[in-house]
Every structure is written in structure tokens, then in C-alpha cells.
Amino acid sequence: MLQRKTDCPVLVNTSFNVRGEPIVCTPQEAYTCFMRTGMDVLVLEDCVLLKSEQPAFEEDTDWREAIALD
């Protein structure tokens, strides 16, 4: 299915997180990380999300101030 949508038969990501944060473990964490960063597309199983089609992502605080860099 992914190959039909992307013309790429395999997509591999060895770690999915932002520096200082733990690796994402849930679809909600993946979506939050996706929306906070410069990624354009998020693929979760057979669901392809384009950032340009997502509603505005708003948070009460700036997550970058809450995460200490290593």
C-alpha cells in the first residue's frame, strides 16, 4: 500500500523524537511530534497525514522551553 502512495516500498525511521524528548510510543505522541516540527508528512500504518491538511496545532506553552537539551 505504501509503495502505491509514495512510490517507495519501505520507509524506515530508526528513532522518532525531538532532541531531549523520549522516542514516541503512541500515535498521539507521533502526531504531536509531527505537528511541532518541520516534517511535512506522517505515515501511521495505512494513514498518510499531510501537515498542510491538518488543523492548526496550538499549545499553552512552548515545548522547547520544557525540554532540557543534552
PDB file of N, CA and C in Angstrom:
ATOM      1  N   MET A   1       0.821  -1.197   0.000  1.00  0.00           N
ATOM      2  CA  MET A   1       0.000   0.000   0.000  1.00  0.00           C
ATOM      3  C   MET A   1       0.867   1.263   0.000  1.00  0.00           C
ATOM      4  N   LEU A   2       1.899   1.297   0.855  1.00  0.00           N
ATOM      5  CA  LEU A   2       2.754   2.478   0.919  1.00  0.00           C
ATOM      6  C   LEU A   2       3.426   2.743  -0.420  1.00  0.00           C
ATOM      7  N   GLN A   3       3.865   1.683  -1.093  1.00  0.00           N
ATOM      8  CA  GLN A   3       4.534   1.900  -2.377  1.00  0.00           C
ATOM      9  C   GLN A   3       3.595   2.551  -3.382  1.00  0.00           C
ATOM     10  N   ARG A   4       2.323   2.194  -3.376  1.00  0.00           N
ATOM     11  CA  ARG A   4       1.383   2.809  -4.311  1.00  0.00           C
ATOM     12  C   ARG A   4       1.207   4.289  -4.012  1.00  0.00           C
ATOM     13  N   LYS A   5       1.261   4.672  -2.738  1.00  0.00           N
ATOM     14  CA  LYS A   5       1.042   6.072  -2.375  1.00  0.00           C
ATOM     15  C   LYS A   5       2.299   6.921  -2.514  1.00  0.00           C
ATOM     16  N   THR A   6       3.468   6.315  -2.259  1.00  0.00           N
ATOM     17  CA  THR A   6       4.690   7.111  -2.203  1.00  0.00           C
ATOM     18  C   THR A   6       5.726   6.735  -3.246  1.00  0.00           C
ATOM     19  N   ASP A   7       5.517   5.627  -3.957  1.00  0.00           N
ATOM     20  CA  ASP A   7       6.485   5.077  -4.888  1.00  0.00           C
ATOM     21  C   ASP A   7       7.762   4.650  -4.170  1.00  0.00           C
ATOM     22  N   CYS A   8       7.652   4.381  -2.873  1.00  0.00           N
ATOM     23  CA  CYS A   8       8.763   3.899  -2.068  1.00  0.00           C
ATOM     24  C   CYS A   8       8.270   2.657  -1.320  1.00  0.00           C
ATOM     25  N   PRO A   9       8.849   1.469  -1.569  1.00  0.00           N
ATOM     26  CA  PRO A   9       8.308   0.255  -0.973  1.00  0.00           C
ATOM     27  C   PRO A   9       8.527   0.140   0.536  1.00  0.00           C
ATOM     28  N   VAL A  10       9.516   0.833   1.078  1.00  0.00           N
ATOM     29  CA  VAL A  10       9.813   0.711   2.503  1.00  0.00           C
ATOM     30  C   VAL A  10      10.177   2.085   3.049  1.00  0.00           C
ATOM     31  N   LEU A  11       9.672   2.362   4.228  1.00  0.00           N
ATOM     32  CA  LEU A  11      10.018   3.593   4.923  1.00  0.00           C
ATOM     33  C   LEU A  11      10.559   3.209   6.288  1.00  0.00           C
ATOM     34  N   VAL A  12      11.774   3.623   6.617  1.00  0.00           N
ATOM     35  CA  VAL A  12      12.398   3.244   7.874  1.00  0.00           C
ATOM     36  C   VAL A  12      12.796   4.508   8.629  1.00  0.00           C
ATOM     37  N   ASN A  13      12.446   4.545   9.888  1.00  0.00           N
ATOM     38  CA  ASN A  13      12.882   5.623  10.769  1.00  0.00           C
ATOM     39  C   ASN A  13      13.400   4.960  12.033  1.00  0.00           C
ATOM     40  N   THR A  14      14.687   5.120  12.310  1.00  0.00           N
ATOM     41  CA  THR A  14      15.280   4.412  13.438  1.00  0.00           C
ATOM     42  C   THR A  14      14.931   5.024  14.779  1.00  0.00           C
ATOM     43  N   SER A  15      14.667   6.310  14.827  1.00  0.00           N
ATOM     44  CA  SER A  15      14.198   6.943  16.061  1.00  0.00           C
ATOM     45  C   SER A  15      13.324   8.123  15.683  1.00  0.00           C
ATOM     46  N   PHE A  16      12.227   8.253  16.369  1.00  0.00           N
ATOM     47  CA  PHE A  16      11.271   9.307  16.057  1.00  0.00           C
ATOM     48  C   PHE A  16      11.063  10.115  17.329  1.00  0.00           C
ATOM     49  N   ASN A  17      11.784  11.196  17.427  1.00  0.00           N
ATOM     50  CA  ASN A  17      11.661  12.091  18.565  1.00  0.00           C
ATOM     51  C   ASN A  17      12.416  13.383  18.257  1.00  0.00           C
ATOM     52  N   VAL A  18      12.244  14.338  19.126  1.00  0.00           N
ATOM     53  CA  VAL A  18      12.975  15.597  19.063  1.00  0.00           C
ATOM     54  C   VAL A  18      14.045  15.528  20.138  1.00  0.00           C
ATOM     55  N   ARG A  19      15.192  16.073  19.852  1.00  0.00           N
ATOM     56  CA  ARG A  19      16.301  16.030  20.808  1.00  0.00           C
ATOM     57  C   ARG A  19      15.838  16.410  22.204  1.00  0.00           C
ATOM     58  N   GLY A  20      16.161  15.563  23.164  1.00  0.00           N
ATOM     59  CA  GLY A  20      15.807  15.807  24.553  1.00  0.00           C
ATOM     60  C   GLY A  20      14.513  15.123  24.970  1.00  0.00           C
ATOM     61  N   GLU A  21      13.691  14.712  24.013  1.00  0.00           N
ATOM     62  CA  GLU A  21      12.441  14.026  24.337  1.00  0.00           C
ATOM     63  C   GLU A  21      12.624  12.523  24.164  1.00  0.00           C
ATOM     64  N   PRO A  22      11.818  11.727  24.868  1.00  0.00           N
ATOM     65  CA  PRO A  22      11.875  10.276  24.636  1.00  0.00           C
ATOM     66  C   PRO A  22      11.310   9.940  23.256  1.00  0.00           C
ATOM     67  N   ILE A  23      11.667   8.777  22.739  1.00  0.00           N
ATOM     68  CA  ILE A  23      11.148   8.318  21.459  1.00  0.00           C
ATOM     69  C   ILE A  23       9.637   8.143  21.569  1.00  0.00           C
ATOM     70  N   VAL A  24       8.918   8.525  20.531  1.00  0.00           N
ATOM     71  CA  VAL A  24       7.460   8.425  20.568  1.00  0.00           C
ATOM     72  C   VAL A  24       7.043   6.963  20.668  1.00  0.00           C
ATOM     73  N   CYS A  25       5.966   6.730  21.425  1.00  0.00           N
ATOM     74  CA  CYS A  25       5.472   5.362  21.642  1.00  0.00           C
ATOM     75  C   CYS A  25       4.016   5.189  21.239  1.00  0.00           C
ATOM     76  N   THR A  26       3.297   6.279  21.041  1.00  0.00           N
ATOM     77  CA  THR A  26       1.879   6.185  20.728  1.00  0.00           C
ATOM     78  C   THR A  26       1.571   7.032  19.491  1.00  0.00           C
ATOM     79  N   PRO A  27       0.459   6.765  18.845  1.00  0.00           N
ATOM     80  CA  PRO A  27       0.064   7.616  17.713  1.00  0.00           C
ATOM     81  C   PRO A  27      -0.107   9.086  18.135  1.00  0.00           C
ATOM     82  N   GLN A  28      -0.618   9.336  19.326  1.00  0.00           N
ATOM     83  CA  GLN A  28      -0.785  10.722  19.796  1.00  0.00           C
ATOM     84  C   GLN A  28       0.572  11.411  19.935  1.00  0.00           C
ATOM     85  N   GLU A  29       1.552  10.720  20.507  1.00  0.00           N
ATOM     86  CA  GLU A  29       2.898  11.293  20.627  1.00  0.00           C
ATOM     87  C   GLU A  29       3.504  11.537  19.244  1.00  0.00           C
ATOM     88  N   ALA A  30       3.270  10.624  18.313  1.00  0.00           N
ATOM     89  CA  ALA A  30       3.778  10.793  16.952  1.00  0.00           C
ATOM     90  C   ALA A  30       3.157  12.022  16.296  1.00  0.00           C
ATOM     91  N   TYR A  31       1.844  12.182  16.463  1.00  0.00           N
ATOM     92  CA  TYR A  31       1.157  13.335  15.871  1.00  0.00           C
ATOM     93  C   TYR A  31       1.663  14.644  16.489  1.00  0.00           C
ATOM     94  N   THR A  32       1.823  14.656  17.807  1.00  0.00           N
ATOM     95  CA  THR A  32       2.322  15.858  18.482  1.00  0.00           C
ATOM     96  C   THR A  32       3.712  16.219  17.984  1.00  0.00           C
ATOM     97  N   CYS A  33       4.599  15.239  17.895  1.00  0.00           N
ATOM     98  CA  CYS A  33       5.956  15.484  17.401  1.00  0.00           C
ATOM     99  C   CYS A  33       5.914  15.994  15.960  1.00  0.00           C
ATOM    100  N   PHE A  34       5.099  15.372  15.141  1.00  0.00           N
ATOM    101  CA  PHE A  34       4.917  15.768  13.743  1.00  0.00           C
ATOM    102  C   PHE A  34       4.479  17.224  13.632  1.00  0.00           C
ATOM    103  N   MET A  35       3.504  17.603  14.423  1.00  0.00           N
ATOM    104  CA  MET A  35       2.972  18.960  14.336  1.00  0.00           C
ATOM    105  C   MET A  35       3.920  20.006  14.906  1.00  0.00           C
ATOM    106  N   ARG A  36       4.778  19.610  15.837  1.00  0.00           N
ATOM    107  CA  ARG A  36       5.725  20.554  16.437  1.00  0.00           C
ATOM    108  C   ARG A  36       6.952  20.798  15.571  1.00  0.00           C
ATOM    109  N   THR A  37       7.205  19.944  14.620  1.00  0.00           N
ATOM    110  CA  THR A  37       8.455  20.012  13.856  1.00  0.00           C
ATOM    111  C   THR A  37       8.218  20.407  12.405  1.00  0.00           C
ATOM    112  N   GLY A  38       9.268  20.396  11.626  1.00  0.00           N
ATOM    113  CA  GLY A  38       9.197  20.771  10.229  1.00  0.00           C
ATOM    114  C   GLY A  38       8.854  19.622   9.292  1.00  0.00           C
ATOM    115  N   MET A  39       8.417  18.494   9.854  1.00  0.00           N
ATOM    116  CA  MET A  39       8.030  17.372   8.990  1.00  0.00           C
ATOM    117  C   MET A  39       6.806  17.750   8.166  1.00  0.00           C
ATOM    118  N   ASP A  40       6.753  17.257   6.950  1.00  0.00           N
ATOM    119  CA  ASP A  40       5.634  17.539   6.049  1.00  0.00           C
ATOM    120  C   ASP A  40       4.587  16.437   6.031  1.00  0.00           C
ATOM    121  N   VAL A  41       5.032  15.185   6.273  1.00  0.00           N
ATOM    122  CA  VAL A  41       4.139  14.033   6.147  1.00  0.00           C
ATOM    123  C   VAL A  41       4.389  13.082   7.314  1.00  0.00           C
ATOM    124  N   LEU A  42       3.292  12.514   7.843  1.00  0.00           N
ATOM    125  CA  LEU A  42       3.377  11.479   8.872  1.00  0.00           C
ATOM    126  C   LEU A  42       2.594  10.275   8.377  1.00  0.00           C
ATOM    127  N   VAL A  43       3.236   9.103   8.390  1.00  0.00           N
ATOM    128  CA  VAL A  43       2.575   7.865   7.985  1.00  0.00           C
ATOM    129  C   VAL A  43       2.427   6.992   9.218  1.00  0.00           C
ATOM    130  N   LEU A  44       1.191   6.651   9.552  1.00  0.00           N
ATOM    131  CA  LEU A  44       0.879   5.752  10.658  1.00  0.00           C
ATOM    132  C   LEU A  44       0.091   4.582  10.080  1.00  0.00           C
ATOM    133  N   GLU A  45       0.760   3.453   9.955  1.00  0.00           N
ATOM    134  CA  GLU A  45       0.176   2.267   9.309  1.00  0.00           C
ATOM    135  C   GLU A  45      -0.349   2.643   7.931  1.00  0.00           C
ATOM    136  N   ASP A  46      -1.652   2.578   7.689  1.00  0.00           N
ATOM    137  CA  ASP A  46      -2.169   2.889   6.356  1.00  0.00           C
ATOM    138  C   ASP A  46      -2.742   4.306   6.262  1.00  0.00           C
ATOM    139  N   CYS A  47      -2.408   5.139   7.220  1.00  0.00           N
ATOM    140  CA  CYS A  47      -2.898   6.522   7.258  1.00  0.00           C
ATOM    141  C   CYS A  47      -1.750   7.480   6.917  1.00  0.00           C
ATOM    142  N   VAL A  48      -1.939   8.294   5.900  1.00  0.00           N
ATOM    143  CA  VAL A  48      -0.935   9.282   5.492  1.00  0.00           C
ATOM    144  C   VAL A  48      -1.484  10.663   5.812  1.00  0.00           C
ATOM    145  N   LEU A  49      -0.798  11.372   6.704  1.00  0.00           N
ATOM    146  CA  LEU A  49      -1.223  12.714   7.109  1.00  0.00           C
ATOM    147  C   LEU A  49      -0.290  13.755   6.506  1.00  0.00           C
ATOM    148  N   LEU A  50      -0.846  14.719   5.808  1.00  0.00           N
ATOM    149  CA  LEU A  50      -0.083  15.841   5.278  1.00  0.00           C
ATOM    150  C   LEU A  50      -0.259  17.019   6.226  1.00  0.00           C
ATOM    151  N   LYS A  51       0.837  17.618   6.628  1.00  0.00           N
ATOM    152  CA  LYS A  51       0.731  18.729   7.579  1.00  0.00           C
ATOM    153  C   LYS A  51      -0.135  19.851   7.023  1.00  0.00           C
ATOM    154  N   SER A  52      -0.049  20.077   5.733  1.00  0.00           N
ATOM    155  CA  SER A  52      -0.825  21.162   5.120  1.00  0.00           C
ATOM    156  C   SER A  52      -2.330  20.944   5.234  1.00  0.00           C
ATOM    157  N   GLU A  53      -2.759  19.720   5.518  1.00  0.00           N
ATOM    158  CA  GLU A  53      -4.184  19.413   5.642  1.00  0.00           C
ATOM    159  C   GLU A  53      -4.649  19.288   7.093  1.00  0.00           C
ATOM    160  N   GLN A  54      -3.739  19.526   8.053  1.00  0.00           N
ATOM    161  CA  GLN A  54      -4.087  19.382   9.464  1.00  0.00           C
ATOM    162  C   GLN A  54      -4.571  20.720  10.030  1.00  0.00           C
ATOM    163  N   PRO A  55      -5.461  20.657  11.038  1.00  0.00           N
ATOM    164  CA  PRO A  55      -5.868  21.900  11.695  1.00  0.00           C
ATOM    165  C   PRO A  55      -4.688  22.504  12.457  1.00  0.00           C
ATOM    166  N   ALA A  56      -4.757  23.775  12.721  1.00  0.00           N
ATOM    167  CA  ALA A  56      -3.683  24.446  13.462  1.00  0.00           C
ATOM    168  C   ALA A  56      -3.455  23.730  14.786  1.00  0.00           C
ATOM    169  N   PHE A  57      -2.191  23.546  15.141  1.00  0.00           N
ATOM    170  CA  PHE A  57      -1.817  22.858  16.378  1.00  0.00           C
ATOM    171  C   PHE A  57      -1.420  23.909  17.394  1.00  0.00           C
ATOM    172  N   GLU A  58      -2.189  24.017  18.458  1.00  0.00           N
ATOM    173  CA  GLU A  58      -1.934  25.041  19.471  1.00  0.00           C
ATOM    174  C   GLU A  58      -1.635  24.394  20.805  1.00  0.00           C
ATOM    175  N   GLU A  59      -0.672  24.974  21.504  1.00  0.00           N
ATOM    176  CA  GLU A  59      -0.308  24.517  22.840  1.00  0.00           C
ATOM    177  C   GLU A  59      -0.243  25.731  23.756  1.00  0.00           C
ATOM    178  N   ASP A  60      -0.427  25.489  25.045  1.00  0.00           N
ATOM    179  CA  ASP A  60      -0.396  26.581  26.023  1.00  0.00           C
ATOM    180  C   ASP A  60       1.015  27.077  26.312  1.00  0.00           C
ATOM    181  N   THR A  61       2.001  26.209  26.138  1.00  0.00           N
ATOM    182  CA  THR A  61       3.384  26.572  26.441  1.00  0.00           C
ATOM    183  C   THR A  61       4.271  26.228  25.258  1.00  0.00           C
ATOM    184  N   ASP A  62       5.465  26.772  25.244  1.00  0.00           N
ATOM    185  CA  ASP A  62       6.447  26.442  24.221  1.00  0.00           C
ATOM    186  C   ASP A  62       7.199  25.190  24.677  1.00  0.00           C
ATOM    187  N   TRP A  63       6.955  24.072  24.003  1.00  0.00           N
ATOM    188  CA  TRP A  63       7.557  22.793  24.404  1.00  0.00           C
ATOM    189  C   TRP A  63       9.075  22.844  24.426  1.00  0.00           C
ATOM    190  N   ARG A  64       9.696  23.709  23.619  1.00  0.00           N
ATOM    191  CA  ARG A  64      11.153  23.778  23.573  1.00  0.00           C
ATOM    192  C   ARG A  64      11.734  24.304  24.868  1.00  0.00           C
ATOM    193  N   GLU A  65      10.956  25.069  25.638  1.00  0.00           N
ATOM    194  CA  GLU A  65      11.435  25.569  26.924  1.00  0.00           C
ATOM    195  C   GLU A  65      11.327  24.511  28.019  1.00  0.00           C
ATOM    196  N   ALA A  66      10.505  23.494  27.817  1.00  0.00           N
ATOM    197  CA  ALA A  66      10.285  22.458  28.823  1.00  0.00           C
ATOM    198  C   ALA A  66      11.278  21.301  28.710  1.00  0.00           C
ATOM    199  N   ILE A  67      11.964  21.196  27.577  1.00  0.00           N
ATOM    200  CA  ILE A  67      12.865  20.081  27.336  1.00  0.00           C
ATOM    201  C   ILE A  67      14.303  20.573  27.420  1.00  0.00           C
ATOM    202  N   ALA A  68      15.042  20.013  28.375  1.00  0.00           N
ATOM    203  CA  ALA A  68      16.471  20.364  28.501  1.00  0.00           C
ATOM    204  C   ALA A  68      17.268  19.611  27.458  1.00  0.00           C
ATOM    205  N   LEU A  69      18.091  20.313  26.690  1.00  0.00           N
ATOM    206  CA  LEU A  69      18.941  19.646  25.705  1.00  0.00           C
ATOM    207  C   LEU A  69      20.074  18.929  26.413  1.00  0.00           C
ATOM    208  N   ASP A  70      20.487  17.800  25.839  1.00  0.00           N
ATOM    209  CA  ASP A  70      21.597  17.043  26.436  1.00  0.00           C
ATOM    210  C   ASP A  70      22.919  17.498  25.883  1.00  0.00           C
TER     211      ASP A  70
END
